[in-house]
PDB file of N, CA and C in Angstrom:
ATOM      1  N   MET A   1      20.791  -4.992 -13.609  1.00  0.00           N
ATOM      2  CA  MET A   1      19.588  -5.850 -13.600  1.00  0.00           C
ATOM      3  C   MET A   1      19.208  -5.995 -12.142  1.00  0.00           C
ATOM      4  N   LEU A   2      17.926  -6.040 -11.872  1.00  0.00           N
ATOM      5  CA  LEU A   2      17.452  -6.225 -10.464  1.00  0.00           C
ATOM      6  C   LEU A   2      17.364  -7.775 -10.169  1.00  0.00           C
ATOM      7  N   ASP A   3      17.312  -8.123  -8.952  1.00  0.00           N
ATOM      8  CA  ASP A   3      17.141  -9.473  -8.639  1.00  0.00           C
ATOM      9  C   ASP A   3      15.606  -9.841  -8.764  1.00  0.00           C
ATOM     10  N   PRO A   4      15.180 -11.002  -8.764  1.00  0.00           N
ATOM     11  CA  PRO A   4      13.782 -11.432  -9.043  1.00  0.00           C
ATOM     12  C   PRO A   4      12.844 -10.806  -7.918  1.00  0.00           C
ATOM     13  N   ILE A   5      13.314 -10.757  -6.787  1.00  0.00           N
ATOM     14  CA  ILE A   5      12.478 -10.156  -5.727  1.00  0.00           C
ATOM     15  C   ILE A   5      12.163  -8.677  -5.927  1.00  0.00           C
ATOM     16  N   GLU A   6      13.325  -7.949  -6.273  1.00  0.00           N
ATOM     17  CA  GLU A   6      13.021  -6.522  -6.554  1.00  0.00           C
ATOM     18  C   GLU A   6      12.205  -6.405  -7.766  1.00  0.00           C
ATOM     19  N   ASP A   7      12.439  -7.247  -8.876  1.00  0.00           N
ATOM     20  CA  ASP A   7      11.571  -7.264  -9.948  1.00  0.00           C
ATOM     21  C   ASP A   7      10.063  -7.260  -9.651  1.00  0.00           C
ATOM     22  N   CYS A   8       9.737  -8.195  -8.748  1.00  0.00           N
ATOM     23  CA  CYS A   8       8.320  -8.479  -8.298  1.00  0.00           C
ATOM     24  C   CYS A   8       7.838  -7.146  -7.542  1.00  0.00           C
ATOM     25  N   LEU A   9       8.808  -6.556  -6.606  1.00  0.00           N
ATOM     26  CA  LEU A   9       8.307  -5.449  -6.026  1.00  0.00           C
ATOM     27  C   LEU A   9       8.064  -4.225  -7.021  1.00  0.00           C
ATOM     28  N   VAL A  10       8.818  -4.179  -7.920  1.00  0.00           N
ATOM     29  CA  VAL A  10       8.638  -2.994  -8.911  1.00  0.00           C
ATOM     30  C   VAL A  10       7.246  -3.365  -9.768  1.00  0.00           C
ATOM     31  N   VAL A  11       6.917  -4.519 -10.018  1.00  0.00           N
ATOM     32  CA  VAL A  11       5.704  -4.900 -10.671  1.00  0.00           C
ATOM     33  C   VAL A  11       4.628  -4.563  -9.690  1.00  0.00           C
ATOM     34  N   ALA A  12       4.677  -5.027  -8.410  1.00  0.00           N
ATOM     35  CA  ALA A  12       3.568  -4.837  -7.499  1.00  0.00           C
ATOM     36  C   ALA A  12       3.344  -3.228  -7.465  1.00  0.00           C
ATOM     37  N   ARG A  13       4.489  -2.475  -7.309  1.00  0.00           N
ATOM     38  CA  ARG A  13       4.153  -1.032  -7.093  1.00  0.00           C
ATOM     39  C   ARG A  13       3.460  -0.489  -8.429  1.00  0.00           C
ATOM     40  N   SER A  14       3.847  -0.924  -9.512  1.00  0.00           N
ATOM     41  CA  SER A  14       3.297  -0.518 -10.751  1.00  0.00           C
ATOM     42  C   SER A  14       1.836  -0.840 -10.817  1.00  0.00           C
ATOM     43  N   GLU A  15       1.570  -2.021 -10.524  1.00  0.00           N
ATOM     44  CA  GLU A  15       0.116  -2.567 -10.494  1.00  0.00           C
ATOM     45  C   GLU A  15      -0.788  -1.833  -9.538  1.00  0.00           C
ATOM     46  N   LEU A  16      -0.144  -1.626  -8.282  1.00  0.00           N
ATOM     47  CA  LEU A  16      -0.908  -0.868  -7.336  1.00  0.00           C
ATOM     48  C   LEU A  16      -1.125   0.517  -7.733  1.00  0.00           C
ATOM     49  N   ALA A  17      -0.140   1.297  -8.431  1.00  0.00           N
ATOM     50  CA  ALA A  17      -0.366   2.566  -8.912  1.00  0.00           C
ATOM     51  C   ALA A  17      -1.440   2.669  -9.994  1.00  0.00           C
ATOM     52  N   GLU A  18      -1.471   1.614 -10.898  1.00  0.00           N
ATOM     53  CA  GLU A  18      -2.535   1.479 -11.905  1.00  0.00           C
ATOM     54  C   GLU A  18      -3.866   1.378 -11.235  1.00  0.00           C
ATOM     55  N   ALA A  19      -3.895   0.449 -10.068  1.00  0.00           N
ATOM     56  CA  ALA A  19      -5.217   0.299  -9.520  1.00  0.00           C
ATOM     57  C   ALA A  19      -5.780   1.604  -8.906  1.00  0.00           C
ATOM     58  N   LYS A  20      -4.755   2.318  -8.284  1.00  0.00           N
ATOM     59  CA  LYS A  20      -5.256   3.577  -7.608  1.00  0.00           C
ATOM     60  C   LYS A  20      -5.686   4.610  -8.710  1.00  0.00           C
ATOM     61  N   ARG A  21      -5.125   4.696  -9.764  1.00  0.00           N
ATOM     62  CA  ARG A  21      -5.391   5.554 -10.929  1.00  0.00           C
ATOM     63  C   ARG A  21      -6.753   5.180 -11.389  1.00  0.00           C
ATOM     64  N   MET A  22      -7.092   3.868 -11.639  1.00  0.00           N
ATOM     65  CA  MET A  22      -8.416   3.436 -12.001  1.00  0.00           C
ATOM     66  C   MET A  22      -9.422   3.764 -10.979  1.00  0.00           C
ATOM     67  N   LEU A  23      -9.138   3.522  -9.677  1.00  0.00           N
ATOM     68  CA  LEU A  23     -10.199   3.917  -8.646  1.00  0.00           C
ATOM     69  C   LEU A  23     -10.311   5.367  -8.609  1.00  0.00           C
ATOM     70  N   ASP A  24      -9.381   6.251  -8.789  1.00  0.00           N
ATOM     71  CA  ASP A  24      -9.572   7.693  -8.688  1.00  0.00           C
ATOM     72  C   ASP A  24     -10.349   8.058  -9.763  1.00  0.00           C
ATOM     73  N   VAL A  25     -10.312   7.537 -10.987  1.00  0.00           N
ATOM     74  CA  VAL A  25     -11.028   7.849 -12.150  1.00  0.00           C
ATOM     75  C   VAL A  25     -12.429   7.479 -11.871  1.00  0.00           C
ATOM     76  N   GLU A  26     -12.665   6.229 -11.472  1.00  0.00           N
ATOM     77  CA  GLU A  26     -14.057   5.781 -11.295  1.00  0.00           C
ATOM     78  C   GLU A  26     -14.779   6.595 -10.025  1.00  0.00           C
ATOM     79  N   ILE A  27     -13.948   6.976  -9.065  1.00  0.00           N
ATOM     80  CA  ILE A  27     -14.651   7.788  -8.016  1.00  0.00           C
ATOM     81  C   ILE A  27     -14.907   9.153  -8.668  1.00  0.00           C
ATOM     82  N   SER A  28     -14.095   9.705  -9.358  1.00  0.00           N
ATOM     83  CA  SER A  28     -14.206  11.032  -9.800  1.00  0.00           C
ATOM     84  C   SER A  28     -15.375  11.217 -10.856  1.00  0.00           C
ATOM     85  N   THR A  29     -15.705  10.026 -11.531  1.00  0.00           N
ATOM     86  CA  THR A  29     -16.817  10.115 -12.391  1.00  0.00           C
ATOM     87  C   THR A  29     -18.104   9.522 -11.842  1.00  0.00           C
ATOM     88  N   TYR A  30     -18.003   9.172 -10.610  1.00  0.00           N
ATOM     89  CA  TYR A  30     -19.231   8.622 -10.040  1.00  0.00           C
ATOM     90  C   TYR A  30     -20.342   9.600  -9.974  1.00  0.00           C
ATOM     91  N   PRO A  31     -21.589   9.146 -10.441  1.00  0.00           N
ATOM     92  CA  PRO A  31     -22.694  10.174 -10.530  1.00  0.00           C
ATOM     93  C   PRO A  31     -23.097  10.756  -9.079  1.00  0.00           C
ATOM     94  N   THR A  32     -23.504  12.019  -9.274  1.00  0.00           N
ATOM     95  CA  THR A  32     -23.903  12.727  -7.992  1.00  0.00           C
ATOM     96  C   THR A  32     -25.481  12.822  -8.004  1.00  0.00           C
ATOM     97  N   PRO A  33     -26.148  13.161  -6.970  1.00  0.00           N
ATOM     98  CA  PRO A  33     -25.638  13.153  -5.626  1.00  0.00           C
ATOM     99  C   PRO A  33     -25.352  11.791  -5.038  1.00  0.00           C
ATOM    100  N   ILE A  34     -24.511  11.819  -4.080  1.00  0.00           N
ATOM    101  CA  ILE A  34     -24.165  10.514  -3.375  1.00  0.00           C
ATOM    102  C   ILE A  34     -24.799  10.494  -2.066  1.00  0.00           C
ATOM    103  N   ALA A  35     -25.758   9.506  -1.828  1.00  0.00           N
ATOM    104  CA  ALA A  35     -26.232   9.474  -0.471  1.00  0.00           C
ATOM    105  C   ALA A  35     -25.177   8.913   0.440  1.00  0.00           C
ATOM    106  N   GLY A  36     -25.445   9.119   1.816  1.00  0.00           N
ATOM    107  CA  GLY A  36     -24.495   8.626   2.775  1.00  0.00           C
ATOM    108  C   GLY A  36     -24.474   7.020   2.909  1.00  0.00           C
ATOM    109  N   CYS A  37     -25.444   6.441   2.300  1.00  0.00           N
ATOM    110  CA  CYS A  37     -25.411   5.024   2.445  1.00  0.00           C
ATOM    111  C   CYS A  37     -25.284   4.327   1.022  1.00  0.00           C
ATOM    112  N   ASP A  38     -24.573   5.062   0.169  1.00  0.00           N
ATOM    113  CA  ASP A  38     -24.281   4.544  -1.175  1.00  0.00           C
ATOM    114  C   ASP A  38     -23.263   3.405  -1.029  1.00  0.00           C
ATOM    115  N   VAL A  39     -23.600   2.254  -1.158  1.00  0.00           N
ATOM    116  CA  VAL A  39     -22.836   1.086  -0.949  1.00  0.00           C
ATOM    117  C   VAL A  39     -21.709   0.992  -1.908  1.00  0.00           C
ATOM    118  N   GLN A  40     -21.970   1.203  -3.250  1.00  0.00           N
ATOM    119  CA  GLN A  40     -20.932   1.021  -4.300  1.00  0.00           C
ATOM    120  C   GLN A  40     -19.957   2.156  -4.136  1.00  0.00           C
ATOM    121  N   PHE A  41     -20.224   3.334  -3.840  1.00  0.00           N
ATOM    122  CA  PHE A  41     -19.251   4.451  -3.631  1.00  0.00           C
ATOM    123  C   PHE A  41     -18.461   4.065  -2.417  1.00  0.00           C
ATOM    124  N   ASN A  42     -19.043   3.739  -1.279  1.00  0.00           N
ATOM    125  CA  ASN A  42     -18.233   3.402  -0.163  1.00  0.00           C
ATOM    126  C   ASN A  42     -17.312   2.220  -0.418  1.00  0.00           C
ATOM    127  N   HIS A  43     -17.645   1.207  -1.328  1.00  0.00           N
ATOM    128  CA  HIS A  43     -16.837   0.164  -1.612  1.00  0.00           C
ATOM    129  C   HIS A  43     -15.641   0.633  -2.489  1.00  0.00           C
ATOM    130  N   LEU A  44     -15.914   1.641  -3.330  1.00  0.00           N
ATOM    131  CA  LEU A  44     -14.783   2.192  -4.116  1.00  0.00           C
ATOM    132  C   LEU A  44     -13.729   2.872  -3.095  1.00  0.00           C
ATOM    133  N   LEU A  45     -14.232   3.663  -2.174  1.00  0.00           N
ATOM    134  CA  LEU A  45     -13.476   4.320  -1.204  1.00  0.00           C
ATOM    135  C   LEU A  45     -12.613   3.430  -0.400  1.00  0.00           C
ATOM    136  N   ALA A  46     -13.284   2.335   0.098  1.00  0.00           N
ATOM    137  CA  ALA A  46     -12.591   1.278   0.925  1.00  0.00           C
ATOM    138  C   ALA A  46     -11.471   0.627   0.048  1.00  0.00           C
ATOM    139  N   ASN A  47     -11.759   0.348  -1.139  1.00  0.00           N
ATOM    140  CA  ASN A  47     -10.724  -0.255  -2.090  1.00  0.00           C
ATOM    141  C   ASN A  47      -9.438   0.738  -2.250  1.00  0.00           C
ATOM    142  N   ARG A  48      -9.834   2.002  -2.425  1.00  0.00           N
ATOM    143  CA  ARG A  48      -8.764   2.977  -2.643  1.00  0.00           C
ATOM    144  C   ARG A  48      -7.913   3.088  -1.303  1.00  0.00           C
ATOM    145  N   GLN A  49      -8.560   2.867  -0.225  1.00  0.00           N
ATOM    146  CA  GLN A  49      -7.771   2.906   1.091  1.00  0.00           C
ATOM    147  C   GLN A  49      -6.885   1.568   1.182  1.00  0.00           C
ATOM    148  N   LYS A  50      -7.500   0.487   0.792  1.00  0.00           N
ATOM    149  CA  LYS A  50      -6.646  -0.735   0.792  1.00  0.00           C
ATOM    150  C   LYS A  50      -5.386  -0.590  -0.167  1.00  0.00           C
ATOM    151  N   VAL A  51      -5.514  -0.050  -1.317  1.00  0.00           N
ATOM    152  CA  VAL A  51      -4.323   0.168  -2.246  1.00  0.00           C
ATOM    153  C   VAL A  51      -3.495   1.113  -1.685  1.00  0.00           C
ATOM    154  N   ALA A  52      -3.968   2.177  -1.008  1.00  0.00           N
ATOM    155  CA  ALA A  52      -2.980   3.176  -0.402  1.00  0.00           C
ATOM    156  C   ALA A  52      -2.169   2.410   0.628  1.00  0.00           C
ATOM    157  N   ALA A  53      -2.933   1.661   1.481  1.00  0.00           N
ATOM    158  CA  ALA A  53      -2.186   0.893   2.564  1.00  0.00           C
ATOM    159  C   ALA A  53      -1.150   0.027   1.948  1.00  0.00           C
ATOM    160  N   ALA A  54      -1.445  -0.705   1.012  1.00  0.00           N
ATOM    161  CA  ALA A  54      -0.525  -1.656   0.431  1.00  0.00           C
ATOM    162  C   ALA A  54       0.713  -0.925  -0.202  1.00  0.00           C
ATOM    163  N   MET A  55       0.459   0.311  -0.917  1.00  0.00           N
ATOM    164  CA  MET A  55       1.571   0.940  -1.371  1.00  0.00           C
ATOM    165  C   MET A  55       2.450   1.553  -0.224  1.00  0.00           C
ATOM    166  N   ALA A  56       1.893   1.855   0.825  1.00  0.00           N
ATOM    167  CA  ALA A  56       2.664   2.442   2.104  1.00  0.00           C
ATOM    168  C   ALA A  56       3.416   1.326   2.560  1.00  0.00           C
ATOM    169  N   ALA A  57       2.783   0.168   2.679  1.00  0.00           N
ATOM    170  CA  ALA A  57       3.533  -0.967   3.277  1.00  0.00           C
ATOM    171  C   ALA A  57       4.777  -1.459   2.447  1.00  0.00           C
ATOM    172  N   LEU A  58       4.677  -1.268   1.100  1.00  0.00           N
ATOM    173  CA  LEU A  58       5.670  -1.655   0.179  1.00  0.00           C
ATOM    174  C   LEU A  58       6.875  -0.678   0.290  1.00  0.00           C
ATOM    175  N   GLY A  59       6.513   0.589   0.613  1.00  0.00           N
ATOM    176  CA  GLY A  59       7.443   1.600   0.688  1.00  0.00           C
ATOM    177  C   GLY A  59       8.149   1.798   2.036  1.00  0.00           C
ATOM    178  N   SER A  60       7.618   1.089   3.145  1.00  0.00           N
ATOM    179  CA  SER A  60       8.055   1.300   4.440  1.00  0.00           C
ATOM    180  C   SER A  60       9.275   0.267   4.795  1.00  0.00           C
ATOM    181  N   ASN A  61      10.138   0.666   5.707  1.00  0.00           N
ATOM    182  CA  ASN A  61      11.108  -0.163   6.161  1.00  0.00           C
ATOM    183  C   ASN A  61      10.527  -1.147   7.338  1.00  0.00           C
ATOM    184  N   VAL A  62      10.959  -2.351   7.311  1.00  0.00           N
ATOM    185  CA  VAL A  62      10.294  -3.205   8.297  1.00  0.00           C
ATOM    186  C   VAL A  62      11.427  -3.661   9.132  1.00  0.00           C
ATOM    187  N   PHE A  63      11.345  -3.499  10.632  1.00  0.00           N
ATOM    188  CA  PHE A  63      12.128  -4.161  11.517  1.00  0.00           C
ATOM    189  C   PHE A  63      11.862  -5.598  11.697  1.00  0.00           C
ATOM    190  N   VAL A  64      12.911  -6.259  11.631  1.00  0.00           N
ATOM    191  CA  VAL A  64      12.933  -7.648  12.019  1.00  0.00           C
ATOM    192  C   VAL A  64      13.743  -7.895  13.256  1.00  0.00           C
ATOM    193  N   PRO A  65      13.066  -8.275  14.352  1.00  0.00           N
ATOM    194  CA  PRO A  65      13.841  -8.512  15.626  1.00  0.00           C
ATOM    195  C   PRO A  65      14.743  -9.803  15.567  1.00  0.00           C
ATOM    196  N   THR A  66      15.889  -9.574  16.188  1.00  0.00           N
ATOM    197  CA  THR A  66      16.811 -10.637  16.222  1.00  0.00           C
ATOM    198  C   THR A  66      17.380 -10.760  17.731  1.00  0.00           C
ATOM    199  N   PRO A  67      18.019 -11.600  18.147  1.00  0.00           N
ATOM    200  CA  PRO A  67      18.605 -11.726  19.510  1.00  0.00           C
ATOM    201  C   PRO A  67      19.526 -10.611  19.732  1.00  0.00           C
ATOM    202  N   ARG A  68      20.189 -10.084  18.830  1.00  0.00           N
ATOM    203  CA  ARG A  68      21.082  -8.949  19.056  1.00  0.00           C
ATOM    204  C   ARG A  68      20.418  -7.593  18.993  1.00  0.00           C
ATOM    205  N   SER A  69      19.293  -7.540  18.377  1.00  0.00           N
ATOM    206  CA  SER A  69      18.405  -6.137  18.210  1.00  0.00           C
ATOM    207  C   SER A  69      16.990  -6.569  18.549  1.00  0.00           C
ATOM    208  N   PRO A  70      16.556  -6.745  19.683  1.00  0.00           N
ATOM    209  CA  PRO A  70      15.107  -7.190  20.051  1.00  0.00           C
ATOM    210  C   PRO A  70      14.096  -6.120  19.667  1.00  0.00           C
ATOM    211  N   SER A  71      14.574  -4.822  19.672  1.00  0.00           N
ATOM    212  CA  SER A  71      13.706  -3.763  19.405  1.00  0.00           C
ATOM    213  C   SER A  71      14.299  -2.716  18.537  1.00  0.00           C
ATOM    214  N   PRO A  72      13.561  -1.982  17.852  1.00  0.00           N
ATOM    215  CA  PRO A  72      14.279  -0.918  16.992  1.00  0.00           C
ATOM    216  C   PRO A  72      15.043   0.056  17.762  1.00  0.00           C
ATOM    217  N   GLN A  73      14.782   0.307  18.984  1.00  0.00           N
ATOM    218  CA  GLN A  73      15.518   1.195  19.777  1.00  0.00           C
ATOM    219  C   GLN A  73      16.870   0.571  20.361  1.00  0.00           C
ATOM    220  N   ALA A  74      17.017  -0.712  20.364  1.00  0.00           N
ATOM    221  CA  ALA A  74      18.030  -1.334  20.808  1.00  0.00           C
ATOM    222  C   ALA A  74      19.485  -1.080  20.238  1.00  0.00           C
ATOM    223  N   GLY A  75      19.415  -0.695  18.866  1.00  0.00           N
ATOM    224  CA  GLY A  75      20.624  -0.415  18.092  1.00  0.00           C
ATOM    225  C   GLY A  75      21.089  -1.869  17.788  1.00  0.00           C
ATOM    226  N   VAL A  76      22.399  -1.649  17.239  1.00  0.00           N
ATOM    227  CA  VAL A  76      23.119  -3.011  16.894  1.00  0.00           C
ATOM    228  C   VAL A  76      24.245  -3.232  17.808  1.00  0.00           C
ATOM    229  N   GLU A  77      24.243  -4.520  18.246  1.00  0.00           N
ATOM    230  CA  GLU A  77      25.330  -4.853  19.162  1.00  0.00           C
ATOM    231  C   GLU A  77      26.637  -5.211  18.376  1.00  0.00           C
ATOM    232  N   SER A  78      27.698  -4.750  18.872  1.00  0.00           N
ATOM    233  CA  SER A  78      29.031  -5.161  17.994  1.00  0.00           C
ATOM    234  C   SER A  78      29.808  -5.993  18.964  1.00  0.00           C
ATOM    235  N   ARG A  79      30.585  -6.890  18.422  1.00  0.00           N
ATOM    236  CA  ARG A  79      31.510  -7.834  19.347  1.00  0.00           C
ATOM    237  C   ARG A  79      32.822  -7.679  18.850  1.00  0.00           C
TER     238      ARG A  79
END
């Protein structure tokens, strides 16, 4: 069994994947031709980019600086 935080992350990834799928369907079925200033279509593209960024953020490792490791290149100090 996962801890509650991992459970939340699994749900978040699942919800983001579903949002991406829905946006992909809506974009693929959007009527053509699309003008360069089609606000609704541009809004769909922007939302798809936000979802992609959120999915990438959930999947990336985050460096948390500490006094012993002030930067990612500093390594880990052992005593």
